[in-house]
C-alpha cells in the first residue's frame, strides 16, 4: 500500500505506557484470540461479553512510552489508514445525505480501559460502540504475521478497516431491527462480523480508486480474512471445527464478503442480515 508521506489522522489517542486496574474484558473484533476461542467453543458470543462488561476505574499508572523505530512506522501507518477511512466514509455518507462521525483510534500496550470494560491485548483489535473508539495494540502486527501467517501492510489495513466497519454499523444501526434474543445468537454475530468485512471491502474499493493499492495488496487482505476465519482458527488451535460455535464466519465467508464489498464499493449489497446464503 502506498502510504508514506500521506495525511495522518488527528483522531489517534496514544495510551501506551498507561496502565489500568480492574478485570479483563473478553472479546474481540477481527477474529478473537485464544481466550475468545475458549468462550466461543462453548457456544458463547464474545460480542455480548464486550458490550456487557462494566467499565472499571483507570489506575494512575502512567509512564512515558518510548516507541521503537518499528513501532513508529506502524503507528504512522495505522494513522494514515484511519485517515483514509475518514475520507472514504465521509464521502459515502455525504452521498446518502448523512454526516459521518470520525471514530478515535486508541493505541495501547498490554491492557486498556474502554467504555465497554477493560481489555488485555489478548483479545486483539476491537471496537467499542459505547465510546466510538477502536483499540489496537500494535503487537498484533506480529501476531498477524507469525501466528496467522498473514503478512503485508494491507493485511493490517484490512484489520483496521474491519474495526472501522463496526463503527459504520453503529452509526447506521445495522441489524438494529433484530430482537434482543436474536442478537445473542451466534448466527447474528456471524452476520454482524461478515458485514464489517464487507464494509472493509468497500473502503478498499475506494483506496484502489485513489491509486493507493499496490500489486499484491488485495491478496494480502484476502489472506488475512482467510486466516481469521473461525474454521481456520479452530483447526489450528484444536485440530477440529465446531460450526455451531462460529461467531465471525468461515474463511471462505470472510473472503467472500470482503471481496464483494471491494467489487461493489457501496453500502448497498452488504446486508448480511437478510442474505439467505452467507
C-alpha atoms as a PDB file:
ATOM      1  CA  UNK A   1       0.000   0.000   0.000  1.00  0.00           C
ATOM      2  CA  UNK A   2       1.282   3.450  -0.899  1.00  0.00           C
ATOM      3  CA  UNK A   3       1.051   5.342   2.378  1.00  0.00           C
ATOM      4  CA  UNK A   4       4.263   7.145   3.338  1.00  0.00           C
ATOM      5  CA  UNK A   5       4.086  10.925   3.223  1.00  0.00           C
ATOM      6  CA  UNK A   6       0.286  10.994   3.145  1.00  0.00           C
ATOM      7  CA  UNK A   7      -2.128  12.592   5.618  1.00  0.00           C
ATOM      8  CA  UNK A   8      -2.313  11.084   9.078  1.00  0.00           C
ATOM      9  CA  UNK A   9      -5.454  11.209  11.175  1.00  0.00           C
ATOM     10  CA  UNK A  10      -5.674  13.626  14.092  1.00  0.00           C
ATOM     11  CA  UNK A  11      -8.065  11.195  15.799  1.00  0.00           C
ATOM     12  CA  UNK A  12      -5.414   8.940  17.311  1.00  0.00           C
ATOM     13  CA  UNK A  13      -5.106   8.659  21.082  1.00  0.00           C
ATOM     14  CA  UNK A  14      -1.849   7.187  22.339  1.00  0.00           C
ATOM     15  CA  UNK A  15      -2.254   5.431  25.697  1.00  0.00           C
ATOM     16  CA  UNK A  16       0.871   3.294  25.520  1.00  0.00           C
ATOM     17  CA  UNK A  17       2.588   3.428  28.877  1.00  0.00           C
ATOM     18  CA  UNK A  18      -0.723   3.921  30.664  1.00  0.00           C
ATOM     19  CA  UNK A  19      -1.843   1.045  32.874  1.00  0.00           C
ATOM     20  CA  UNK A  20      -5.327   0.131  34.050  1.00  0.00           C
ATOM     21  CA  UNK A  21      -6.912  -1.553  37.005  1.00  0.00           C
ATOM     22  CA  UNK A  22      -9.908  -3.836  37.161  1.00  0.00           C
ATOM     23  CA  UNK A  23     -10.944  -7.072  35.493  1.00  0.00           C
ATOM     24  CA  UNK A  24     -10.112  -8.065  31.917  1.00  0.00           C
ATOM     25  CA  UNK A  25     -12.689  -7.808  29.172  1.00  0.00           C
ATOM     26  CA  UNK A  26     -13.114 -10.824  26.917  1.00  0.00           C
ATOM     27  CA  UNK A  27     -13.953 -10.222  23.282  1.00  0.00           C
ATOM     28  CA  UNK A  28     -12.532  -9.029  20.011  1.00  0.00           C
ATOM     29  CA  UNK A  29     -13.438  -7.543  16.701  1.00  0.00           C
ATOM     30  CA  UNK A  30     -11.310  -9.106  13.999  1.00  0.00           C
ATOM     31  CA  UNK A  31     -11.252 -12.765  14.872  1.00  0.00           C
ATOM     32  CA  UNK A  32     -10.869 -13.324  18.568  1.00  0.00           C
ATOM     33  CA  UNK A  33      -7.756 -14.934  20.019  1.00  0.00           C
ATOM     34  CA  UNK A  34      -7.090 -17.781  22.423  1.00  0.00           C
ATOM     35  CA  UNK A  35      -9.291 -16.509  25.281  1.00  0.00           C
ATOM     36  CA  UNK A  36     -12.138 -15.700  22.934  1.00  0.00           C
ATOM     37  CA  UNK A  37     -11.853 -19.119  21.314  1.00  0.00           C
ATOM     38  CA  UNK A  38     -12.323 -20.794  24.673  1.00  0.00           C
ATOM     39  CA  UNK A  39     -15.592 -18.914  25.037  1.00  0.00           C
ATOM     40  CA  UNK A  40     -16.858 -19.488  21.500  1.00  0.00           C
ATOM     41  CA  UNK A  41     -16.131 -23.227  21.708  1.00  0.00           C
ATOM     42  CA  UNK A  42     -18.704 -23.264  24.488  1.00  0.00           C
ATOM     43  CA  UNK A  43     -21.267 -21.521  22.317  1.00  0.00           C
ATOM     44  CA  UNK A  44     -20.814 -18.053  23.789  1.00  0.00           C
ATOM     45  CA  UNK A  45     -20.879 -14.758  21.918  1.00  0.00           C
ATOM     46  CA  UNK A  46     -17.755 -12.673  22.590  1.00  0.00           C
ATOM     47  CA  UNK A  47     -19.522  -9.585  21.227  1.00  0.00           C
ATOM     48  CA  UNK A  48     -22.023  -9.771  24.074  1.00  0.00           C
ATOM     49  CA  UNK A  49     -19.204 -10.095  26.568  1.00  0.00           C
ATOM     50  CA  UNK A  50     -17.628  -6.904  25.238  1.00  0.00           C
ATOM     51  CA  UNK A  51     -20.830  -4.913  25.318  1.00  0.00           C
ATOM     52  CA  UNK A  52     -21.959  -6.103  28.729  1.00  0.00           C
ATOM     53  CA  UNK A  53     -18.729  -5.700  30.655  1.00  0.00           C
ATOM     54  CA  UNK A  54     -18.898  -2.854  33.145  1.00  0.00           C
ATOM     55  CA  UNK A  55     -16.306  -0.097  32.887  1.00  0.00           C
ATOM     56  CA  UNK A  56     -13.612  -0.008  35.556  1.00  0.00           C
ATOM     57  CA  UNK A  57     -11.670   2.802  37.096  1.00  0.00           C
ATOM     58  CA  UNK A  58      -8.399   3.609  35.394  1.00  0.00           C
ATOM     59  CA  UNK A  59      -5.369   3.488  37.639  1.00  0.00           C
ATOM     60  CA  UNK A  60      -2.761   6.206  37.972  1.00  0.00           C
ATOM     61  CA  UNK A  61      -0.016   4.128  36.370  1.00  0.00           C
ATOM     62  CA  UNK A  62       1.218   6.455  33.638  1.00  0.00           C
ATOM     63  CA  UNK A  63       4.802   6.371  32.411  1.00  0.00           C
ATOM     64  CA  UNK A  64       6.198   7.911  29.213  1.00  0.00           C
ATOM     65  CA  UNK A  65       6.305   5.346  26.429  1.00  0.00           C
ATOM     66  CA  UNK A  66       9.326   5.259  24.138  1.00  0.00           C
ATOM     67  CA  UNK A  67       8.402   3.610  20.882  1.00  0.00           C
ATOM     68  CA  UNK A  68      10.947   1.850  18.720  1.00  0.00           C
ATOM     69  CA  UNK A  69      11.585   2.874  15.121  1.00  0.00           C
ATOM     70  CA  UNK A  70       9.477  -0.098  14.016  1.00  0.00           C
ATOM     71  CA  UNK A  71       6.611   0.906  16.282  1.00  0.00           C
ATOM     72  CA  UNK A  72       6.835   4.471  14.987  1.00  0.00           C
ATOM     73  CA  UNK A  73       6.407   3.224  11.444  1.00  0.00           C
ATOM     74  CA  UNK A  74       3.494   1.031  12.498  1.00  0.00           C
ATOM     75  CA  UNK A  75       1.729   3.842  14.358  1.00  0.00           C
ATOM     76  CA  UNK A  76       2.244   6.172  11.387  1.00  0.00           C
ATOM     77  CA  UNK A  77       0.785   3.518   9.105  1.00  0.00           C
ATOM     78  CA  UNK A  78      -2.381   2.914  11.115  1.00  0.00           C
ATOM     79  CA  UNK A  79      -2.858   6.683  11.369  1.00  0.00           C
ATOM     80  CA  UNK A  80      -2.721   7.010   7.574  1.00  0.00           C
ATOM     81  CA  UNK A  81      -5.169   4.120   7.127  1.00  0.00           C
ATOM     82  CA  UNK A  82      -7.521   5.713   9.658  1.00  0.00           C
ATOM     83  CA  UNK A  83      -7.302   9.000   7.739  1.00  0.00           C
ATOM     84  CA  UNK A  84      -8.204   7.126   4.550  1.00  0.00           C
ATOM     85  CA  UNK A  85     -11.268   5.606   6.199  1.00  0.00           C
ATOM     86  CA  UNK A  86     -12.313   9.074   7.360  1.00  0.00           C
ATOM     87  CA  UNK A  87     -12.137  10.400   3.800  1.00  0.00           C
ATOM     88  CA  UNK A  88     -13.933   7.419   2.285  1.00  0.00           C
ATOM     89  CA  UNK A  89     -16.774   7.139   4.757  1.00  0.00           C
ATOM     90  CA  UNK A  90     -17.330  10.894   4.884  1.00  0.00           C
ATOM     91  CA  UNK A  91     -17.775  10.768   1.115  1.00  0.00           C
ATOM     92  CA  UNK A  92     -20.052   7.714   1.186  1.00  0.00           C
ATOM     93  CA  UNK A  93     -22.219   9.139   3.969  1.00  0.00           C
ATOM     94  CA  UNK A  94     -22.474  12.511   2.231  1.00  0.00           C
ATOM     95  CA  UNK A  95     -23.823  10.816  -0.909  1.00  0.00           C
ATOM     96  CA  UNK A  96     -26.546   9.306   1.255  1.00  0.00           C
ATOM     97  CA  UNK A  97     -27.388  12.659   2.852  1.00  0.00           C
ATOM     98  CA  UNK A  98     -25.764  11.665   6.141  1.00  0.00           C
ATOM     99  CA  UNK A  99     -22.884  13.001   8.211  1.00  0.00           C
ATOM    100  CA  UNK A 100     -20.070  10.668   9.150  1.00  0.00           C
ATOM    101  CA  UNK A 101     -18.687  10.914  12.667  1.00  0.00           C
ATOM    102  CA  UNK A 102     -14.990  10.092  12.800  1.00  0.00           C
ATOM    103  CA  UNK A 103     -14.076   7.445  15.385  1.00  0.00           C
ATOM    104  CA  UNK A 104     -10.965   7.649  17.562  1.00  0.00           C
ATOM    105  CA  UNK A 105      -8.236   5.035  17.318  1.00  0.00           C
ATOM    106  CA  UNK A 106      -6.598   4.242  20.651  1.00  0.00           C
ATOM    107  CA  UNK A 107      -3.077   2.826  20.660  1.00  0.00           C
ATOM    108  CA  UNK A 108      -2.320   0.859  23.807  1.00  0.00           C
ATOM    109  CA  UNK A 109       0.194  -1.599  25.183  1.00  0.00           C
ATOM    110  CA  UNK A 110      -0.787  -4.793  27.040  1.00  0.00           C
ATOM    111  CA  UNK A 111      -4.060  -3.509  28.535  1.00  0.00           C
ATOM    112  CA  UNK A 112      -6.551  -0.693  28.135  1.00  0.00           C
ATOM    113  CA  UNK A 113      -9.754   0.779  29.549  1.00  0.00           C
ATOM    114  CA  UNK A 114     -12.739   1.412  27.287  1.00  0.00           C
ATOM    115  CA  UNK A 115     -16.391   2.266  27.808  1.00  0.00           C
ATOM    116  CA  UNK A 116     -17.016  -1.456  27.226  1.00  0.00           C
ATOM    117  CA  UNK A 117     -14.723  -2.524  30.065  1.00  0.00           C
ATOM    118  CA  UNK A 118     -11.024  -3.233  30.470  1.00  0.00           C
ATOM    119  CA  UNK A 119      -9.183  -5.406  27.978  1.00  0.00           C
ATOM    120  CA  UNK A 120      -5.838  -7.080  27.527  1.00  0.00           C
ATOM    121  CA  UNK A 121      -4.024  -7.293  24.199  1.00  0.00           C
ATOM    122  CA  UNK A 122      -5.024 -10.991  24.090  1.00  0.00           C
ATOM    123  CA  UNK A 123      -8.415 -10.004  22.681  1.00  0.00           C
ATOM    124  CA  UNK A 124      -6.867  -8.468  19.581  1.00  0.00           C
ATOM    125  CA  UNK A 125      -8.047  -5.229  17.957  1.00  0.00           C
ATOM    126  CA  UNK A 126     -11.621  -4.310  18.867  1.00  0.00           C
ATOM    127  CA  UNK A 127     -14.224  -1.581  18.543  1.00  0.00           C
ATOM    128  CA  UNK A 128     -16.309  -0.299  21.444  1.00  0.00           C
ATOM    129  CA  UNK A 129     -19.699   1.143  20.429  1.00  0.00           C
ATOM    130  CA  UNK A 130     -20.015   2.732  23.864  1.00  0.00           C
ATOM    131  CA  UNK A 131     -17.327   5.340  23.135  1.00  0.00           C
ATOM    132  CA  UNK A 132     -16.980   5.051  19.336  1.00  0.00           C
ATOM    133  CA  UNK A 133     -13.318   4.104  19.626  1.00  0.00           C
ATOM    134  CA  UNK A 134     -11.094   1.469  18.023  1.00  0.00           C
ATOM    135  CA  UNK A 135      -8.474  -0.147  20.253  1.00  0.00           C
ATOM    136  CA  UNK A 136      -5.250  -1.624  18.871  1.00  0.00           C
ATOM    137  CA  UNK A 137      -2.095  -2.966  20.469  1.00  0.00           C
ATOM    138  CA  UNK A 138       0.470  -2.746  17.672  1.00  0.00           C
ATOM    139  CA  UNK A 139       1.937  -6.083  18.739  1.00  0.00           C
ATOM    140  CA  UNK A 140      -0.959  -7.532  16.712  1.00  0.00           C
ATOM    141  CA  UNK A 141       1.174  -6.793  13.649  1.00  0.00           C
ATOM    142  CA  UNK A 142       3.495  -9.614  14.683  1.00  0.00           C
ATOM    143  CA  UNK A 143       0.552 -11.790  15.732  1.00  0.00           C
ATOM    144  CA  UNK A 144      -0.976 -11.403  12.292  1.00  0.00           C
ATOM    145  CA  UNK A 145       2.274 -12.246  10.517  1.00  0.00           C
ATOM    146  CA  UNK A 146       3.561 -15.042  12.723  1.00  0.00           C
ATOM    147  CA  UNK A 147       0.554 -16.785  14.267  1.00  0.00           C
ATOM    148  CA  UNK A 148      -1.906 -16.200  11.435  1.00  0.00           C
ATOM    149  CA  UNK A 149       0.638 -16.279   8.568  1.00  0.00           C
ATOM    150  CA  UNK A 150      -0.922 -13.142   7.091  1.00  0.00           C
ATOM    151  CA  UNK A 151       1.971 -10.758   6.333  1.00  0.00           C
ATOM    152  CA  UNK A 152       1.833  -7.461   4.477  1.00  0.00           C
ATOM    153  CA  UNK A 153       0.776  -3.927   5.311  1.00  0.00           C
ATOM    154  CA  UNK A 154      -2.582  -4.315   3.584  1.00  0.00           C
ATOM    155  CA  UNK A 155      -3.382  -7.273   5.819  1.00  0.00           C
ATOM    156  CA  UNK A 156      -3.170  -4.886   8.767  1.00  0.00           C
ATOM    157  CA  UNK A 157      -5.087  -2.258   6.794  1.00  0.00           C
ATOM    158  CA  UNK A 158      -7.889  -4.836   6.448  1.00  0.00           C
ATOM    159  CA  UNK A 159      -7.925  -5.299  10.217  1.00  0.00           C
ATOM    160  CA  UNK A 160      -8.286  -1.559  10.821  1.00  0.00           C
ATOM    161  CA  UNK A 161     -10.919  -1.205   8.093  1.00  0.00           C
ATOM    162  CA  UNK A 162     -12.890  -4.073   9.646  1.00  0.00           C
ATOM    163  CA  UNK A 163     -12.998  -2.325  13.021  1.00  0.00           C
ATOM    164  CA  UNK A 164     -13.987   0.940  11.335  1.00  0.00           C
ATOM    165  CA  UNK A 165     -16.687  -1.142   9.641  1.00  0.00           C
ATOM    166  CA  UNK A 166     -18.125  -1.822  13.095  1.00  0.00           C
ATOM    167  CA  UNK A 167     -18.214   1.935  13.670  1.00  0.00           C
ATOM    168  CA  UNK A 168     -20.127   2.401  10.418  1.00  0.00           C
ATOM    169  CA  UNK A 169     -22.560  -0.295  11.574  1.00  0.00           C
ATOM    170  CA  UNK A 170     -23.059   1.570  14.841  1.00  0.00           C
ATOM    171  CA  UNK A 171     -23.785   4.848  13.067  1.00  0.00           C
ATOM    172  CA  UNK A 172     -26.238   3.159  10.697  1.00  0.00           C
ATOM    173  CA  UNK A 173     -27.733   0.937  13.427  1.00  0.00           C
ATOM    174  CA  UNK A 174     -27.095  -2.126  11.282  1.00  0.00           C
ATOM    175  CA  UNK A 175     -29.027  -5.145  12.457  1.00  0.00           C
ATOM    176  CA  UNK A 176     -30.829  -2.949  14.980  1.00  0.00           C
ATOM    177  CA  UNK A 177     -34.210  -4.357  13.993  1.00  0.00           C
ATOM    178  CA  UNK A 178     -33.282  -7.749  15.406  1.00  0.00           C
ATOM    179  CA  UNK A 179     -34.692  -8.762  18.773  1.00  0.00           C
ATOM    180  CA  UNK A 180     -32.550  -8.850  21.881  1.00  0.00           C
ATOM    181  CA  UNK A 181     -32.750 -12.639  21.846  1.00  0.00           C
ATOM    182  CA  UNK A 182     -31.627 -12.806  18.213  1.00  0.00           C
ATOM    183  CA  UNK A 183     -28.646 -10.577  18.953  1.00  0.00           C
ATOM    184  CA  UNK A 184     -27.431 -13.121  21.478  1.00  0.00           C
ATOM    185  CA  UNK A 185     -27.186 -15.882  18.886  1.00  0.00           C
ATOM    186  CA  UNK A 186     -24.052 -16.963  17.073  1.00  0.00           C
ATOM    187  CA  UNK A 187     -25.844 -16.558  13.756  1.00  0.00           C
ATOM    188  CA  UNK A 188     -26.382 -12.857  14.424  1.00  0.00           C
ATOM    189  CA  UNK A 189     -22.749 -12.449  15.469  1.00  0.00           C
ATOM    190  CA  UNK A 190     -21.521 -14.105  12.262  1.00  0.00           C
ATOM    191  CA  UNK A 191     -23.731 -11.885  10.104  1.00  0.00           C
ATOM    192  CA  UNK A 192     -22.616  -8.809  12.026  1.00  0.00           C
ATOM    193  CA  UNK A 193     -18.930  -9.645  11.562  1.00  0.00           C
ATOM    194  CA  UNK A 194     -19.304 -10.539   7.886  1.00  0.00           C
ATOM    195  CA  UNK A 195     -20.961  -7.190   7.256  1.00  0.00           C
ATOM    196  CA  UNK A 196     -17.937  -5.481   8.839  1.00  0.00           C
ATOM    197  CA  UNK A 197     -15.777  -7.468   6.397  1.00  0.00           C
ATOM    198  CA  UNK A 198     -17.972  -6.247   3.543  1.00  0.00           C
ATOM    199  CA  UNK A 199     -17.593  -2.638   4.706  1.00  0.00           C
ATOM    200  CA  UNK A 200     -13.822  -3.121   4.913  1.00  0.00           C
ATOM    201  CA  UNK A 201     -14.012  -4.196   1.272  1.00  0.00           C
ATOM    202  CA  UNK A 202     -15.954  -1.042   0.393  1.00  0.00           C
ATOM    203  CA  UNK A 203     -13.142   1.032   1.885  1.00  0.00           C
ATOM    204  CA  UNK A 204     -10.559  -0.963  -0.100  1.00  0.00           C
ATOM    205  CA  UNK A 205     -12.563  -0.292  -3.274  1.00  0.00           C
ATOM    206  CA  UNK A 206     -12.157   3.444  -2.748  1.00  0.00           C
ATOM    207  CA  UNK A 207      -8.494   3.071  -1.759  1.00  0.00           C
ATOM    208  CA  UNK A 208      -7.881   1.318  -5.064  1.00  0.00           C
ATOM    209  CA  UNK A 209      -9.725   4.076  -6.918  1.00  0.00           C
ATOM    210  CA  UNK A 210      -7.443   6.654  -5.343  1.00  0.00           C
ATOM    211  CA  UNK A 211      -4.400   4.722  -6.540  1.00  0.00           C
ATOM    212  CA  UNK A 212      -3.172   3.661  -3.089  1.00  0.00           C
ATOM    213  CA  UNK A 213      -3.151  -0.094  -3.663  1.00  0.00           C
ATOM    214  CA  UNK A 214      -0.069  -1.860  -4.940  1.00  0.00           C
ATOM    215  CA  UNK A 215       0.292  -5.225  -6.640  1.00  0.00           C
ATOM    216  CA  UNK A 216      -0.499  -7.982  -4.170  1.00  0.00           C
ATOM    217  CA  UNK A 217      -2.406  -5.804  -1.672  1.00  0.00           C
ATOM    218  CA  UNK A 218      -5.806  -7.350  -2.397  1.00  0.00           C
ATOM    219  CA  UNK A 219      -4.312 -10.810  -1.968  1.00  0.00           C
ATOM    220  CA  UNK A 220      -2.835  -9.752   1.395  1.00  0.00           C
ATOM    221  CA  UNK A 221      -6.255  -8.662   2.640  1.00  0.00           C
ATOM    222  CA  UNK A 222      -7.956 -11.826   1.389  1.00  0.00           C
ATOM    223  CA  UNK A 223      -5.246 -13.944   3.010  1.00  0.00           C
ATOM    224  CA  UNK A 224      -5.832 -12.124   6.305  1.00  0.00           C
ATOM    225  CA  UNK A 225      -9.588 -12.674   6.017  1.00  0.00           C
ATOM    226  CA  UNK A 226      -8.938 -16.360   5.409  1.00  0.00           C
ATOM    227  CA  UNK A 227      -6.507 -16.572   8.323  1.00  0.00           C
ATOM    228  CA  UNK A 228      -9.015 -15.248  10.864  1.00  0.00           C
ATOM    229  CA  UNK A 229     -11.916 -17.437   9.748  1.00  0.00           C
ATOM    230  CA  UNK A 230     -13.445 -19.404  12.616  1.00  0.00           C
ATOM    231  CA  UNK A 231     -12.807 -22.746  10.912  1.00  0.00           C
ATOM    232  CA  UNK A 232      -9.154 -21.958  10.246  1.00  0.00           C
ATOM    233  CA  UNK A 233      -8.527 -20.746  13.797  1.00  0.00           C
ATOM    234  CA  UNK A 234     -10.238 -23.769  15.327  1.00  0.00           C
ATOM    235  CA  UNK A 235      -8.350 -26.222  13.118  1.00  0.00           C
ATOM    236  CA  UNK A 236      -5.037 -24.710  14.141  1.00  0.00           C
ATOM    237  CA  UNK A 237      -5.858 -24.431  17.836  1.00  0.00           C
ATOM    238  CA  UNK A 238      -7.607 -27.748  18.486  1.00  0.00           C
ATOM    239  CA  UNK A 239      -7.435 -29.787  15.293  1.00  0.00           C
ATOM    240  CA  UNK A 240     -11.172 -29.820  14.508  1.00  0.00           C
ATOM    241  CA  UNK A 241     -14.012 -27.357  13.959  1.00  0.00           C
ATOM    242  CA  UNK A 242     -17.287 -26.750  15.792  1.00  0.00           C
ATOM    243  CA  UNK A 243     -19.513 -24.897  13.277  1.00  0.00           C
ATOM    244  CA  UNK A 244     -22.249 -24.142  15.798  1.00  0.00           C
ATOM    245  CA  UNK A 245     -19.732 -22.153  17.835  1.00  0.00           C
ATOM    246  CA  UNK A 246     -18.698 -19.865  14.962  1.00  0.00           C
ATOM    247  CA  UNK A 247     -19.041 -16.147  15.760  1.00  0.00           C
ATOM    248  CA  UNK A 248     -17.162 -14.464  12.894  1.00  0.00           C
ATOM    249  CA  UNK A 249     -17.689 -16.711   9.867  1.00  0.00           C
ATOM    250  CA  UNK A 250     -15.597 -19.224   7.971  1.00  0.00           C
ATOM    251  CA  UNK A 251     -12.509 -18.310   5.987  1.00  0.00           C
ATOM    252  CA  UNK A 252     -14.490 -18.658   2.752  1.00  0.00           C
ATOM    253  CA  UNK A 253     -17.290 -16.431   4.049  1.00  0.00           C
ATOM    254  CA  UNK A 254     -14.951 -13.717   5.279  1.00  0.00           C
ATOM    255  CA  UNK A 255     -13.095 -13.664   1.967  1.00  0.00           C
ATOM    256  CA  UNK A 256     -16.383 -13.642   0.034  1.00  0.00           C
ATOM    257  CA  UNK A 257     -17.891 -10.666   1.841  1.00  0.00           C
ATOM    258  CA  UNK A 258     -14.700  -8.619   1.798  1.00  0.00           C
ATOM    259  CA  UNK A 259     -14.300  -9.253  -1.928  1.00  0.00           C
ATOM    260  CA  UNK A 260     -17.965  -8.449  -2.545  1.00  0.00           C
ATOM    261  CA  UNK A 261     -17.565  -5.091  -0.803  1.00  0.00           C
ATOM    262  CA  UNK A 262     -14.396  -4.465  -2.782  1.00  0.00           C
ATOM    263  CA  UNK A 263     -16.213  -5.121  -6.045  1.00  0.00           C
ATOM    264  CA  UNK A 264     -19.434  -3.224  -5.191  1.00  0.00           C
ATOM    265  CA  UNK A 265     -17.977  -0.185  -3.460  1.00  0.00           C
ATOM    266  CA  UNK A 266     -21.364   0.713  -1.939  1.00  0.00           C
ATOM    267  CA  UNK A 267     -23.150   0.135   1.356  1.00  0.00           C
ATOM    268  CA  UNK A 268     -25.999  -1.396  -0.615  1.00  0.00           C
ATOM    269  CA  UNK A 269     -25.385  -5.056  -1.306  1.00  0.00           C
ATOM    270  CA  UNK A 270     -23.870  -5.692   2.090  1.00  0.00           C
ATOM    271  CA  UNK A 271     -26.983  -6.599   4.082  1.00  0.00           C
ATOM    272  CA  UNK A 272     -25.749  -9.854   5.542  1.00  0.00           C
ATOM    273  CA  UNK A 273     -28.719  -9.936   7.915  1.00  0.00           C
ATOM    274  CA  UNK A 274     -31.108 -10.574   5.013  1.00  0.00           C
ATOM    275  CA  UNK A 275     -28.783 -12.798   2.995  1.00  0.00           C
ATOM    276  CA  UNK A 276     -30.130 -16.337   2.600  1.00  0.00           C
ATOM    277  CA  UNK A 277     -26.713 -17.689   1.730  1.00  0.00           C
ATOM    278  CA  UNK A 278     -23.621 -16.376   3.522  1.00  0.00           C
END
